[in-house]
PDB file of N, CA and C in Angstrom:
ATOM      1  N   UNK A   1      71.919  91.337  92.433  1.00  0.00           N
ATOM      2  CA  UNK A   1      73.008  92.109  91.677  1.00  0.00           C
ATOM      3  C   UNK A   1      73.715  93.053  92.251  1.00  0.00           C
ATOM      4  N   UNK A   2      72.973  93.847  93.068  1.00  0.00           N
ATOM      5  CA  UNK A   2      73.528  95.099  93.764  1.00  0.00           C
ATOM      6  C   UNK A   2      74.548  94.462  94.782  1.00  0.00           C
ATOM      7  N   UNK A   3      74.280  93.283  95.345  1.00  0.00           N
ATOM      8  CA  UNK A   3      75.180  92.723  96.410  1.00  0.00           C
ATOM      9  C   UNK A   3      76.453  92.477  95.937  1.00  0.00           C
ATOM     10  N   UNK A   4      76.597  91.850  94.660  1.00  0.00           N
ATOM     11  CA  UNK A   4      78.018  91.486  94.127  1.00  0.00           C
ATOM     12  C   UNK A   4      78.735  92.732  93.612  1.00  0.00           C
ATOM     13  N   UNK A   5      78.002  93.741  93.217  1.00  0.00           N
ATOM     14  CA  UNK A   5      78.598  95.007  92.913  1.00  0.00           C
ATOM     15  C   UNK A   5      79.224  95.669  94.048  1.00  0.00           C
ATOM     16  N   UNK A   6      78.388  95.708  95.139  1.00  0.00           N
ATOM     17  CA  UNK A   6      78.899  96.328  96.434  1.00  0.00           C
ATOM     18  C   UNK A   6      80.086  95.648  96.963  1.00  0.00           C
ATOM     19  N   UNK A   7      80.080  94.228  96.936  1.00  0.00           N
ATOM     20  CA  UNK A   7      81.257  93.457  97.408  1.00  0.00           C
ATOM     21  C   UNK A   7      82.427  93.728  96.582  1.00  0.00           C
ATOM     22  N   UNK A   8      82.365  93.720  95.310  1.00  0.00           N
ATOM     23  CA  UNK A   8      83.495  93.931  94.299  1.00  0.00           C
ATOM     24  C   UNK A   8      84.177  95.257  94.683  1.00  0.00           C
ATOM     25  N   UNK A   9      83.372  96.136  95.117  1.00  0.00           N
ATOM     26  CA  UNK A   9      83.833  97.593  95.474  1.00  0.00           C
ATOM     27  C   UNK A   9      84.429  97.541  97.006  1.00  0.00           C
ATOM     28  N   UNK A  10      83.761  97.100  97.922  1.00  0.00           N
ATOM     29  CA  UNK A  10      84.101  97.172  99.297  1.00  0.00           C
ATOM     30  C   UNK A  10      85.119  96.231  99.812  1.00  0.00           C
ATOM     31  N   UNK A  11      85.200  94.955  99.381  1.00  0.00           N
ATOM     32  CA  UNK A  11      86.089  94.027  99.779  1.00  0.00           C
ATOM     33  C   UNK A  11      87.635  94.545  99.600  1.00  0.00           C
ATOM     34  N   UNK A  12      87.856  94.846  98.121  1.00  0.00           N
ATOM     35  CA  UNK A  12      89.304  95.297  97.832  1.00  0.00           C
ATOM     36  C   UNK A  12      89.656  96.535  98.582  1.00  0.00           C
ATOM     37  N   UNK A  13      88.598  97.631  98.822  1.00  0.00           N
ATOM     38  CA  UNK A  13      89.072  98.673  99.631  1.00  0.00           C
ATOM     39  C   UNK A  13      89.395  98.283 101.041  1.00  0.00           C
ATOM     40  N   UNK A  14      88.702  97.370 101.596  1.00  0.00           N
ATOM     41  CA  UNK A  14      89.030  96.908 102.986  1.00  0.00           C
ATOM     42  C   UNK A  14      90.459  96.262 103.028  1.00  0.00           C
ATOM     43  N   UNK A  15      90.801  95.438 101.975  1.00  0.00           N
ATOM     44  CA  UNK A  15      92.059  94.896 101.944  1.00  0.00           C
ATOM     45  C   UNK A  15      93.139  95.931 101.628  1.00  0.00           C
ATOM     46  N   UNK A  16      92.970  96.892 100.948  1.00  0.00           N
ATOM     47  CA  UNK A  16      93.904  97.963 100.649  1.00  0.00           C
ATOM     48  C   UNK A  16      94.041  98.697 102.145  1.00  0.00           C
ATOM     49  N   UNK A  17      92.996  99.071 102.889  1.00  0.00           N
ATOM     50  CA  UNK A  17      93.166  99.706 104.056  1.00  0.00           C
ATOM     51  C   UNK A  17      93.853  98.844 105.111  1.00  0.00           C
ATOM     52  N   UNK A  18      93.638  97.601 105.118  1.00  0.00           N
ATOM     53  CA  UNK A  18      94.285  96.578 106.014  1.00  0.00           C
ATOM     54  C   UNK A  18      95.621  96.503 105.707  1.00  0.00           C
ATOM     55  N   UNK A  19      96.080  96.557 104.503  1.00  0.00           N
ATOM     56  CA  UNK A  19      97.490  96.527 104.112  1.00  0.00           C
ATOM     57  C   UNK A  19      98.202  97.807 104.555  1.00  0.00           C
ATOM     58  N   UNK A  20      97.405  98.853 104.574  1.00  0.00           N
ATOM     59  CA  UNK A  20      98.082 100.318 104.859  1.00  0.00           C
ATOM     60  C   UNK A  20      98.129 100.407 106.472  1.00  0.00           C
ATOM     61  N   UNK A  21      97.201  99.786 107.141  1.00  0.00           N
ATOM     62  CA  UNK A  21      96.912 100.182 108.529  1.00  0.00           C
ATOM     63  C   UNK A  21      97.325  99.092 109.567  1.00  0.00           C
ATOM     64  N   UNK A  22      97.228  97.823 109.115  1.00  0.00           N
ATOM     65  CA  UNK A  22      97.553  96.755 110.133  1.00  0.00           C
ATOM     66  C   UNK A  22      98.912  96.296 109.814  1.00  0.00           C
ATOM     67  N   UNK A  23      99.725  96.093 110.854  1.00  0.00           N
ATOM     68  CA  UNK A  23     101.229  95.649 110.866  1.00  0.00           C
ATOM     69  C   UNK A  23     101.285  94.350 110.231  1.00  0.00           C
ATOM     70  N   UNK A  24     100.447  93.402 110.468  1.00  0.00           N
ATOM     71  CA  UNK A  24     100.371  92.000 110.021  1.00  0.00           C
ATOM     72  C   UNK A  24     100.027  91.791 108.537  1.00  0.00           C
ATOM     73  N   UNK A  25      99.562  92.844 107.841  1.00  0.00           N
ATOM     74  CA  UNK A  25      99.041  92.717 106.554  1.00  0.00           C
ATOM     75  C   UNK A  25      99.839  93.517 105.580  1.00  0.00           C
ATOM     76  N   UNK A  26     100.543  92.920 104.550  1.00  0.00           N
ATOM     77  CA  UNK A  26     101.219  93.703 103.564  1.00  0.00           C
ATOM     78  C   UNK A  26     101.005  93.180 102.068  1.00  0.00           C
ATOM     79  N   UNK A  27     100.498  94.077 101.233  1.00  0.00           N
ATOM     80  CA  UNK A  27     100.396  93.813  99.870  1.00  0.00           C
ATOM     81  C   UNK A  27     101.172  95.056  99.186  1.00  0.00           C
ATOM     82  N   UNK A  28     102.411  94.680  98.825  1.00  0.00           N
ATOM     83  CA  UNK A  28     103.242  95.800  98.302  1.00  0.00           C
ATOM     84  C   UNK A  28     102.744  96.431  96.841  1.00  0.00           C
ATOM     85  N   UNK A  29     101.993  95.613  96.146  1.00  0.00           N
ATOM     86  CA  UNK A  29     101.438  96.177  94.961  1.00  0.00           C
ATOM     87  C   UNK A  29      99.882  96.332  94.886  1.00  0.00           C
ATOM     88  N   UNK A  30      99.407  97.366  94.355  1.00  0.00           N
ATOM     89  CA  UNK A  30      97.979  97.647  94.394  1.00  0.00           C
ATOM     90  C   UNK A  30      97.210  96.466  93.811  1.00  0.00           C
ATOM     91  N   UNK A  31      97.571  95.839  92.758  1.00  0.00           N
ATOM     92  CA  UNK A  31      96.789  94.862  92.170  1.00  0.00           C
ATOM     93  C   UNK A  31      96.577  93.683  93.141  1.00  0.00           C
ATOM     94  N   UNK A  32      97.430  93.423  94.088  1.00  0.00           N
ATOM     95  CA  UNK A  32      97.332  92.175  94.841  1.00  0.00           C
ATOM     96  C   UNK A  32      96.148  92.312  95.818  1.00  0.00           C
ATOM     97  N   UNK A  33      95.793  93.302  96.517  1.00  0.00           N
ATOM     98  CA  UNK A  33      94.557  93.303  97.262  1.00  0.00           C
ATOM     99  C   UNK A  33      93.189  93.511  96.462  1.00  0.00           C
ATOM    100  N   UNK A  34      93.436  94.108  95.296  1.00  0.00           N
ATOM    101  CA  UNK A  34      92.273  94.166  94.366  1.00  0.00           C
ATOM    102  C   UNK A  34      91.945  92.721  93.853  1.00  0.00           C
ATOM    103  N   UNK A  35      92.903  92.073  93.352  1.00  0.00           N
ATOM    104  CA  UNK A  35      92.495  90.669  92.802  1.00  0.00           C
ATOM    105  C   UNK A  35      91.974  89.837  93.951  1.00  0.00           C
ATOM    106  N   UNK A  36      92.532  90.010  95.041  1.00  0.00           N
ATOM    107  CA  UNK A  36      92.333  89.022  96.157  1.00  0.00           C
ATOM    108  C   UNK A  36      90.809  89.363  96.604  1.00  0.00           C
ATOM    109  N   UNK A  37      90.541  90.660  96.736  1.00  0.00           N
ATOM    110  CA  UNK A  37      89.236  91.158  97.171  1.00  0.00           C
ATOM    111  C   UNK A  37      88.127  90.792  96.114  1.00  0.00           C
ATOM    112  N   UNK A  38      88.474  90.875  94.792  1.00  0.00           N
ATOM    113  CA  UNK A  38      87.364  90.633  93.808  1.00  0.00           C
ATOM    114  C   UNK A  38      87.093  88.960  93.872  1.00  0.00           C
ATOM    115  N   UNK A  39      88.184  88.168  94.135  1.00  0.00           N
ATOM    116  CA  UNK A  39      87.907  86.788  94.238  1.00  0.00           C
ATOM    117  C   UNK A  39      87.105  86.446  95.542  1.00  0.00           C
ATOM    118  N   UNK A  40      87.550  87.061  96.517  1.00  0.00           N
ATOM    119  CA  UNK A  40      86.810  86.999  97.824  1.00  0.00           C
ATOM    120  C   UNK A  40      85.290  87.424  97.837  1.00  0.00           C
ATOM    121  N   UNK A  41      85.137  88.539  97.005  1.00  0.00           N
ATOM    122  CA  UNK A  41      83.621  89.044  96.744  1.00  0.00           C
ATOM    123  C   UNK A  41      82.890  87.971  95.953  1.00  0.00           C
ATOM    124  N   UNK A  42      83.498  87.439  94.896  1.00  0.00           N
ATOM    125  CA  UNK A  42      82.777  86.385  94.186  1.00  0.00           C
ATOM    126  C   UNK A  42      82.454  85.145  94.936  1.00  0.00           C
ATOM    127  N   UNK A  43      83.555  84.642  95.783  1.00  0.00           N
ATOM    128  CA  UNK A  43      83.206  83.487  96.583  1.00  0.00           C
ATOM    129  C   UNK A  43      82.186  83.824  97.580  1.00  0.00           C
ATOM    130  N   UNK A  44      82.301  85.011  98.193  1.00  0.00           N
ATOM    131  CA  UNK A  44      81.373  85.381  99.175  1.00  0.00           C
ATOM    132  C   UNK A  44      79.848  85.477  98.711  1.00  0.00           C
ATOM    133  N   UNK A  45      79.773  86.005  97.531  1.00  0.00           N
ATOM    134  CA  UNK A  45      78.426  86.040  96.768  1.00  0.00           C
ATOM    135  C   UNK A  45      77.908  84.621  96.506  1.00  0.00           C
ATOM    136  N   UNK A  46      78.794  83.790  96.062  1.00  0.00           N
ATOM    137  CA  UNK A  46      78.274  82.281  95.701  1.00  0.00           C
ATOM    138  C   UNK A  46      77.814  81.713  97.030  1.00  0.00           C
ATOM    139  N   UNK A  47      78.611  81.917  98.144  1.00  0.00           N
ATOM    140  CA  UNK A  47      78.341  81.335  99.452  1.00  0.00           C
ATOM    141  C   UNK A  47      76.969  81.906  99.883  1.00  0.00           C
ATOM    142  N   UNK A  48      76.638  83.102  99.618  1.00  0.00           N
ATOM    143  CA  UNK A  48      75.399  83.714 100.151  1.00  0.00           C
ATOM    144  C   UNK A  48      74.280  83.062  99.295  1.00  0.00           C
ATOM    145  N   UNK A  49      74.491  82.842  98.003  1.00  0.00           N
ATOM    146  CA  UNK A  49      73.588  82.296  97.127  1.00  0.00           C
ATOM    147  C   UNK A  49      73.168  80.918  97.576  1.00  0.00           C
ATOM    148  N   UNK A  50      74.232  80.220  98.017  1.00  0.00           N
ATOM    149  CA  UNK A  50      74.045  78.800  98.300  1.00  0.00           C
ATOM    150  C   UNK A  50      73.542  78.667  99.828  1.00  0.00           C
ATOM    151  N   UNK A  51      73.882  79.329 100.655  1.00  0.00           N
ATOM    152  CA  UNK A  51      73.589  79.101 101.989  1.00  0.00           C
ATOM    153  C   UNK A  51      72.657  80.105 102.893  1.00  0.00           C
ATOM    154  N   UNK A  52      72.680  81.376 102.372  1.00  0.00           N
ATOM    155  CA  UNK A  52      72.022  82.517 103.148  1.00  0.00           C
ATOM    156  C   UNK A  52      70.400  82.346 103.055  1.00  0.00           C
ATOM    157  N   UNK A  53      69.891  82.105 104.232  1.00  0.00           N
ATOM    158  CA  UNK A  53      68.399  82.122 104.375  1.00  0.00           C
ATOM    159  C   UNK A  53      68.219  82.389 105.880  1.00  0.00           C
ATOM    160  N   UNK A  54      66.955  82.768 106.224  1.00  0.00           N
ATOM    161  CA  UNK A  54      66.532  83.280 107.516  1.00  0.00           C
ATOM    162  C   UNK A  54      67.192  82.374 108.595  1.00  0.00           C
ATOM    163  N   UNK A  55      66.990  81.073 108.489  1.00  0.00           N
ATOM    164  CA  UNK A  55      67.500  80.310 109.730  1.00  0.00           C
ATOM    165  C   UNK A  55      69.019  79.916 109.809  1.00  0.00           C
ATOM    166  N   UNK A  56      69.667  80.277 108.716  1.00  0.00           N
ATOM    167  CA  UNK A  56      71.137  79.927 108.525  1.00  0.00           C
ATOM    168  C   UNK A  56      72.094  81.274 108.647  1.00  0.00           C
ATOM    169  N   UNK A  57      71.530  82.277 109.340  1.00  0.00           N
ATOM    170  CA  UNK A  57      72.334  83.555 109.431  1.00  0.00           C
ATOM    171  C   UNK A  57      73.677  83.485 109.988  1.00  0.00           C
ATOM    172  N   UNK A  58      73.674  82.881 111.276  1.00  0.00           N
ATOM    173  CA  UNK A  58      74.855  82.926 112.130  1.00  0.00           C
ATOM    174  C   UNK A  58      75.816  81.783 111.333  1.00  0.00           C
ATOM    175  N   UNK A  59      75.308  80.729 110.873  1.00  0.00           N
ATOM    176  CA  UNK A  59      76.103  79.824 110.226  1.00  0.00           C
ATOM    177  C   UNK A  59      76.808  80.245 109.004  1.00  0.00           C
ATOM    178  N   UNK A  60      76.055  81.059 108.235  1.00  0.00           N
ATOM    179  CA  UNK A  60      76.659  81.666 106.906  1.00  0.00           C
ATOM    180  C   UNK A  60      77.713  82.629 107.252  1.00  0.00           C
ATOM    181  N   UNK A  61      77.432  83.383 108.500  1.00  0.00           N
ATOM    182  CA  UNK A  61      78.517  84.383 108.856  1.00  0.00           C
ATOM    183  C   UNK A  61      79.887  83.604 109.321  1.00  0.00           C
ATOM    184  N   UNK A  62      79.700  82.626 109.980  1.00  0.00           N
ATOM    185  CA  UNK A  62      80.774  81.908 110.597  1.00  0.00           C
ATOM    186  C   UNK A  62      81.552  81.254 109.203  1.00  0.00           C
ATOM    187  N   UNK A  63      80.906  80.707 108.336  1.00  0.00           N
ATOM    188  CA  UNK A  63      81.564  80.098 107.083  1.00  0.00           C
ATOM    189  C   UNK A  63      82.206  81.235 106.439  1.00  0.00           C
ATOM    190  N   UNK A  64      81.560  82.412 106.272  1.00  0.00           N
ATOM    191  CA  UNK A  64      82.149  83.589 105.556  1.00  0.00           C
ATOM    192  C   UNK A  64      83.414  83.932 106.323  1.00  0.00           C
ATOM    193  N   UNK A  65      83.566  83.984 107.565  1.00  0.00           N
ATOM    194  CA  UNK A  65      84.782  84.207 108.233  1.00  0.00           C
ATOM    195  C   UNK A  65      85.791  83.231 107.966  1.00  0.00           C
ATOM    196  N   UNK A  66      85.550  81.971 108.186  1.00  0.00           N
ATOM    197  CA  UNK A  66      86.588  80.886 107.803  1.00  0.00           C
ATOM    198  C   UNK A  66      86.950  80.889 106.439  1.00  0.00           C
ATOM    199  N   UNK A  67      86.118  81.129 105.524  1.00  0.00           N
ATOM    200  CA  UNK A  67      86.475  81.145 104.022  1.00  0.00           C
ATOM    201  C   UNK A  67      87.477  82.323 103.794  1.00  0.00           C
ATOM    202  N   UNK A  68      87.032  83.520 104.335  1.00  0.00           N
ATOM    203  CA  UNK A  68      87.865  84.737 104.126  1.00  0.00           C
ATOM    204  C   UNK A  68      89.225  84.624 104.762  1.00  0.00           C
ATOM    205  N   UNK A  69      89.303  84.030 105.841  1.00  0.00           N
ATOM    206  CA  UNK A  69      90.564  83.809 106.480  1.00  0.00           C
ATOM    207  C   UNK A  69      91.560  82.783 105.619  1.00  0.00           C
ATOM    208  N   UNK A  70      90.848  81.730 105.209  1.00  0.00           N
ATOM    209  CA  UNK A  70      91.707  80.770 104.359  1.00  0.00           C
ATOM    210  C   UNK A  70      92.185  81.431 103.199  1.00  0.00           C
ATOM    211  N   UNK A  71      91.209  82.245 102.491  1.00  0.00           N
ATOM    212  CA  UNK A  71      91.504  82.687 101.121  1.00  0.00           C
ATOM    213  C   UNK A  71      92.727  83.837 101.296  1.00  0.00           C
ATOM    214  N   UNK A  72      92.575  84.679 102.387  1.00  0.00           N
ATOM    215  CA  UNK A  72      93.558  85.760 102.667  1.00  0.00           C
ATOM    216  C   UNK A  72      94.916  85.139 103.153  1.00  0.00           C
ATOM    217  N   UNK A  73      94.917  84.143 103.842  1.00  0.00           N
ATOM    218  CA  UNK A  73      96.205  83.509 104.308  1.00  0.00           C
ATOM    219  C   UNK A  73      96.785  82.798 103.213  1.00  0.00           C
ATOM    220  N   UNK A  74      95.981  82.189 102.257  1.00  0.00           N
ATOM    221  CA  UNK A  74      96.497  81.347 101.258  1.00  0.00           C
ATOM    222  C   UNK A  74      97.088  82.320 100.214  1.00  0.00           C
ATOM    223  N   UNK A  75      96.212  83.295  99.801  1.00  0.00           N
ATOM    224  CA  UNK A  75      96.600  84.095  98.661  1.00  0.00           C
ATOM    225  C   UNK A  75      97.805  84.993  98.706  1.00  0.00           C
ATOM    226  N   UNK A  76      98.096  85.394 100.003  1.00  0.00           N
ATOM    227  CA  UNK A  76      99.340  86.215 100.267  1.00  0.00           C
ATOM    228  C   UNK A  76     100.581  85.371  99.955  1.00  0.00           C
ATOM    229  N   UNK A  77     100.507  84.092  99.809  1.00  0.00           N
ATOM    230  CA  UNK A  77     101.725  83.323  99.435  1.00  0.00           C
ATOM    231  C   UNK A  77     101.963  83.194  98.035  1.00  0.00           C
ATOM    232  N   UNK A  78     100.961  83.561  97.292  1.00  0.00           N
ATOM    233  CA  UNK A  78     101.129  83.538  95.800  1.00  0.00           C
ATOM    234  C   UNK A  78     101.608  84.878  95.277  1.00  0.00           C
ATOM    235  N   UNK A  79     101.664  85.951  96.004  1.00  0.00           N
ATOM    236  CA  UNK A  79     102.130  87.209  95.542  1.00  0.00           C
ATOM    237  C   UNK A  79     103.563  87.444  95.979  1.00  0.00           C
ATOM    238  N   UNK A  80     104.182  88.091  95.105  1.00  0.00           N
ATOM    239  CA  UNK A  80     105.707  88.396  95.414  1.00  0.00           C
ATOM    240  C   UNK A  80     105.715  89.483  96.476  1.00  0.00           C
ATOM    241  N   UNK A  81     106.405  89.214  97.510  1.00  0.00           N
ATOM    242  CA  UNK A  81     106.677  90.285  98.554  1.00  0.00           C
ATOM    243  C   UNK A  81     105.563  90.341  99.487  1.00  0.00           C
ATOM    244  N   UNK A  82     104.379  89.764  99.149  1.00  0.00           N
ATOM    245  CA  UNK A  82     103.119  90.025 100.075  1.00  0.00           C
ATOM    246  C   UNK A  82     103.196  88.947 101.252  1.00  0.00           C
ATOM    247  N   UNK A  83     102.774  89.492 102.407  1.00  0.00           N
ATOM    248  CA  UNK A  83     102.626  88.472 103.497  1.00  0.00           C
ATOM    249  C   UNK A  83     101.340  88.992 104.415  1.00  0.00           C
ATOM    250  N   UNK A  84     100.915  88.041 105.106  1.00  0.00           N
ATOM    251  CA  UNK A  84      99.931  88.201 106.054  1.00  0.00           C
ATOM    252  C   UNK A  84     100.044  87.331 107.419  1.00  0.00           C
ATOM    253  N   UNK A  85     100.080  87.834 108.435  1.00  0.00           N
ATOM    254  CA  UNK A  85     100.353  86.962 109.713  1.00  0.00           C
ATOM    255  C   UNK A  85      98.877  86.385 110.039  1.00  0.00           C
ATOM    256  N   UNK A  86      98.945  85.467 110.940  1.00  0.00           N
ATOM    257  CA  UNK A  86      97.645  84.912 111.552  1.00  0.00           C
ATOM    258  C   UNK A  86      96.843  85.903 112.129  1.00  0.00           C
ATOM    259  N   UNK A  87      97.362  86.758 112.983  1.00  0.00           N
ATOM    260  CA  UNK A  87      96.762  87.887 113.661  1.00  0.00           C
ATOM    261  C   UNK A  87      96.125  88.856 112.468  1.00  0.00           C
ATOM    262  N   UNK A  88      96.862  89.244 111.496  1.00  0.00           N
ATOM    263  CA  UNK A  88      96.464  90.009 110.447  1.00  0.00           C
ATOM    264  C   UNK A  88      95.206  89.502 109.708  1.00  0.00           C
ATOM    265  N   UNK A  89      95.263  88.006 109.446  1.00  0.00           N
ATOM    266  CA  UNK A  89      94.358  87.443 108.879  1.00  0.00           C
ATOM    267  C   UNK A  89      93.062  87.414 109.703  1.00  0.00           C
ATOM    268  N   UNK A  90      93.199  87.179 111.117  1.00  0.00           N
ATOM    269  CA  UNK A  90      91.944  87.228 111.799  1.00  0.00           C
ATOM    270  C   UNK A  90      91.314  88.555 111.915  1.00  0.00           C
ATOM    271  N   UNK A  91      92.241  89.725 112.061  1.00  0.00           N
ATOM    272  CA  UNK A  91      91.540  91.036 112.053  1.00  0.00           C
ATOM    273  C   UNK A  91      90.930  91.395 110.796  1.00  0.00           C
ATOM    274  N   UNK A  92      91.578  91.141 109.767  1.00  0.00           N
ATOM    275  CA  UNK A  92      90.999  91.452 108.451  1.00  0.00           C
ATOM    276  C   UNK A  92      89.730  90.507 108.156  1.00  0.00           C
ATOM    277  N   UNK A  93      89.793  89.382 108.463  1.00  0.00           N
ATOM    278  CA  UNK A  93      88.501  88.564 108.307  1.00  0.00           C
ATOM    279  C   UNK A  93      87.409  89.079 109.178  1.00  0.00           C
ATOM    280  N   UNK A  94      87.760  89.469 110.353  1.00  0.00           N
ATOM    281  CA  UNK A  94      86.714  89.989 111.197  1.00  0.00           C
ATOM    282  C   UNK A  94      86.110  91.162 110.781  1.00  0.00           C
ATOM    283  N   UNK A  95      86.812  92.093 110.130  1.00  0.00           N
ATOM    284  CA  UNK A  95      86.219  93.271 109.673  1.00  0.00           C
ATOM    285  C   UNK A  95      85.413  92.993 108.375  1.00  0.00           C
ATOM    286  N   UNK A  96      85.939  92.036 107.477  1.00  0.00           N
ATOM    287  CA  UNK A  96      85.047  91.582 106.388  1.00  0.00           C
ATOM    288  C   UNK A  96      83.752  90.930 106.931  1.00  0.00           C
ATOM    289  N   UNK A  97      83.770  90.174 107.956  1.00  0.00           N
ATOM    290  CA  UNK A  97      82.591  89.464 108.499  1.00  0.00           C
ATOM    291  C   UNK A  97      81.679  90.512 109.127  1.00  0.00           C
ATOM    292  N   UNK A  98      82.243  91.601 109.637  1.00  0.00           N
ATOM    293  CA  UNK A  98      81.290  92.713 110.208  1.00  0.00           C
ATOM    294  C   UNK A  98      80.563  93.266 109.180  1.00  0.00           C
ATOM    295  N   UNK A  99      81.191  93.401 108.080  1.00  0.00           N
ATOM    296  CA  UNK A  99      80.435  93.978 106.925  1.00  0.00           C
ATOM    297  C   UNK A  99      79.526  93.191 106.264  1.00  0.00           C
ATOM    298  N   UNK A 100      79.836  91.820 106.206  1.00  0.00           N
ATOM    299  CA  UNK A 100      78.960  90.752 105.775  1.00  0.00           C
ATOM    300  C   UNK A 100      77.729  90.812 106.733  1.00  0.00           C
ATOM    301  N   UNK A 101      77.934  90.849 108.155  1.00  0.00           N
ATOM    302  CA  UNK A 101      76.845  90.902 108.926  1.00  0.00           C
ATOM    303  C   UNK A 101      75.669  91.912 108.533  1.00  0.00           C
ATOM    304  N   UNK A 102      76.190  93.121 108.227  1.00  0.00           N
ATOM    305  CA  UNK A 102      75.212  94.245 107.757  1.00  0.00           C
ATOM    306  C   UNK A 102      74.661  93.906 106.472  1.00  0.00           C
ATOM    307  N   UNK A 103      75.345  93.260 105.454  1.00  0.00           N
ATOM    308  CA  UNK A 103      74.948  92.895 104.245  1.00  0.00           C
ATOM    309  C   UNK A 103      73.948  91.742 104.413  1.00  0.00           C
ATOM    310  N   UNK A 104      74.123  90.874 105.224  1.00  0.00           N
ATOM    311  CA  UNK A 104      73.248  89.700 105.353  1.00  0.00           C
ATOM    312  C   UNK A 104      71.904  90.265 106.013  1.00  0.00           C
ATOM    313  N   UNK A 105      71.941  91.087 106.933  1.00  0.00           N
ATOM    314  CA  UNK A 105      70.747  91.646 107.627  1.00  0.00           C
ATOM    315  C   UNK A 105      70.139  92.335 106.473  1.00  0.00           C
ATOM    316  N   UNK A 106      70.594  93.043 105.637  1.00  0.00           N
ATOM    317  CA  UNK A 106      69.964  93.737 104.591  1.00  0.00           C
ATOM    318  C   UNK A 106      69.212  92.801 103.513  1.00  0.00           C
ATOM    319  N   UNK A 107      70.077  91.773 103.325  1.00  0.00           N
ATOM    320  CA  UNK A 107      69.491  90.734 102.214  1.00  0.00           C
ATOM    321  C   UNK A 107      68.224  90.121 102.733  1.00  0.00           C
ATOM    322  N   UNK A 108      68.377  89.527 103.989  1.00  0.00           N
ATOM    323  CA  UNK A 108      67.318  88.911 104.670  1.00  0.00           C
ATOM    324  C   UNK A 108      65.988  89.780 104.872  1.00  0.00           C
ATOM    325  N   UNK A 109      66.316  91.024 105.447  1.00  0.00           N
ATOM    326  CA  UNK A 109      65.274  92.117 105.763  1.00  0.00           C
ATOM    327  C   UNK A 109      64.682  92.377 104.443  1.00  0.00           C
ATOM    328  N   UNK A 110      65.226  92.581 103.405  1.00  0.00           N
ATOM    329  CA  UNK A 110      64.620  92.988 102.189  1.00  0.00           C
ATOM    330  C   UNK A 110      64.092  91.853 101.169  1.00  0.00           C
ATOM    331  N   UNK A 111      64.229  90.644 101.706  1.00  0.00           N
ATOM    332  CA  UNK A 111      63.627  89.559 101.117  1.00  0.00           C
ATOM    333  C   UNK A 111      64.380  89.062  99.833  1.00  0.00           C
ATOM    334  N   UNK A 112      65.817  89.586  99.767  1.00  0.00           N
ATOM    335  CA  UNK A 112      66.615  89.225  98.668  1.00  0.00           C
ATOM    336  C   UNK A 112      67.425  88.060  98.845  1.00  0.00           C
ATOM    337  N   UNK A 113      67.389  87.357 100.152  1.00  0.00           N
ATOM    338  CA  UNK A 113      68.156  86.265 100.338  1.00  0.00           C
ATOM    339  C   UNK A 113      67.478  85.082  99.647  1.00  0.00           C
ATOM    340  N   UNK A 114      68.250  83.943  99.450  1.00  0.00           N
ATOM    341  CA  UNK A 114      67.705  82.886  98.681  1.00  0.00           C
ATOM    342  C   UNK A 114      66.563  82.323  99.366  1.00  0.00           C
ATOM    343  N   UNK A 115      65.537  82.070  98.617  1.00  0.00           N
ATOM    344  CA  UNK A 115      64.364  81.351  99.022  1.00  0.00           C
ATOM    345  C   UNK A 115      64.385  79.912  98.795  1.00  0.00           C
ATOM    346  N   UNK A 116      63.606  79.248  99.476  1.00  0.00           N
ATOM    347  CA  UNK A 116      63.524  77.644  99.203  1.00  0.00           C
ATOM    348  C   UNK A 116      62.675  77.703  97.943  1.00  0.00           C
ATOM    349  N   UNK A 117      63.113  76.603  97.179  1.00  0.00           N
ATOM    350  CA  UNK A 117      62.366  76.556  95.901  1.00  0.00           C
ATOM    351  C   UNK A 117      61.104  75.957  96.066  1.00  0.00           C
ATOM    352  N   UNK A 118      60.020  76.390  95.387  1.00  0.00           N
ATOM    353  CA  UNK A 118      58.702  76.021  95.429  1.00  0.00           C
ATOM    354  C   UNK A 118      58.352  74.996  94.506  1.00  0.00           C
ATOM    355  N   UNK A 119      57.773  73.796  94.744  1.00  0.00           N
ATOM    356  CA  UNK A 119      57.663  72.729  93.755  1.00  0.00           C
ATOM    357  C   UNK A 119      56.212  72.793  93.386  1.00  0.00           C
TER     358      UNK A 119
END
């Protein structure tokens, strides 16, 4: 539960910072990176729940990067006056994936990552 709360806070903050600091990322209205960030946080949490386990660490990170990039690039077209370049998408997704790297290490190290069901 702590993981999803952390993501819902951190991912929108990263998108707001990216919009203000990176030339290829622009969300003119504050709600745009917040909504996009919350959706990405929920999708990322579901992805971790479905895939994250000790042997799938790097695969899960790779999928996180790809999903983040697809969502970011796609969502920008649904918002009025927002845009994101391919380079802006790659940089922002890389920052999000670096954060996910730390979260995944914590989840696996603490034993909170999904376990194989016991029958």
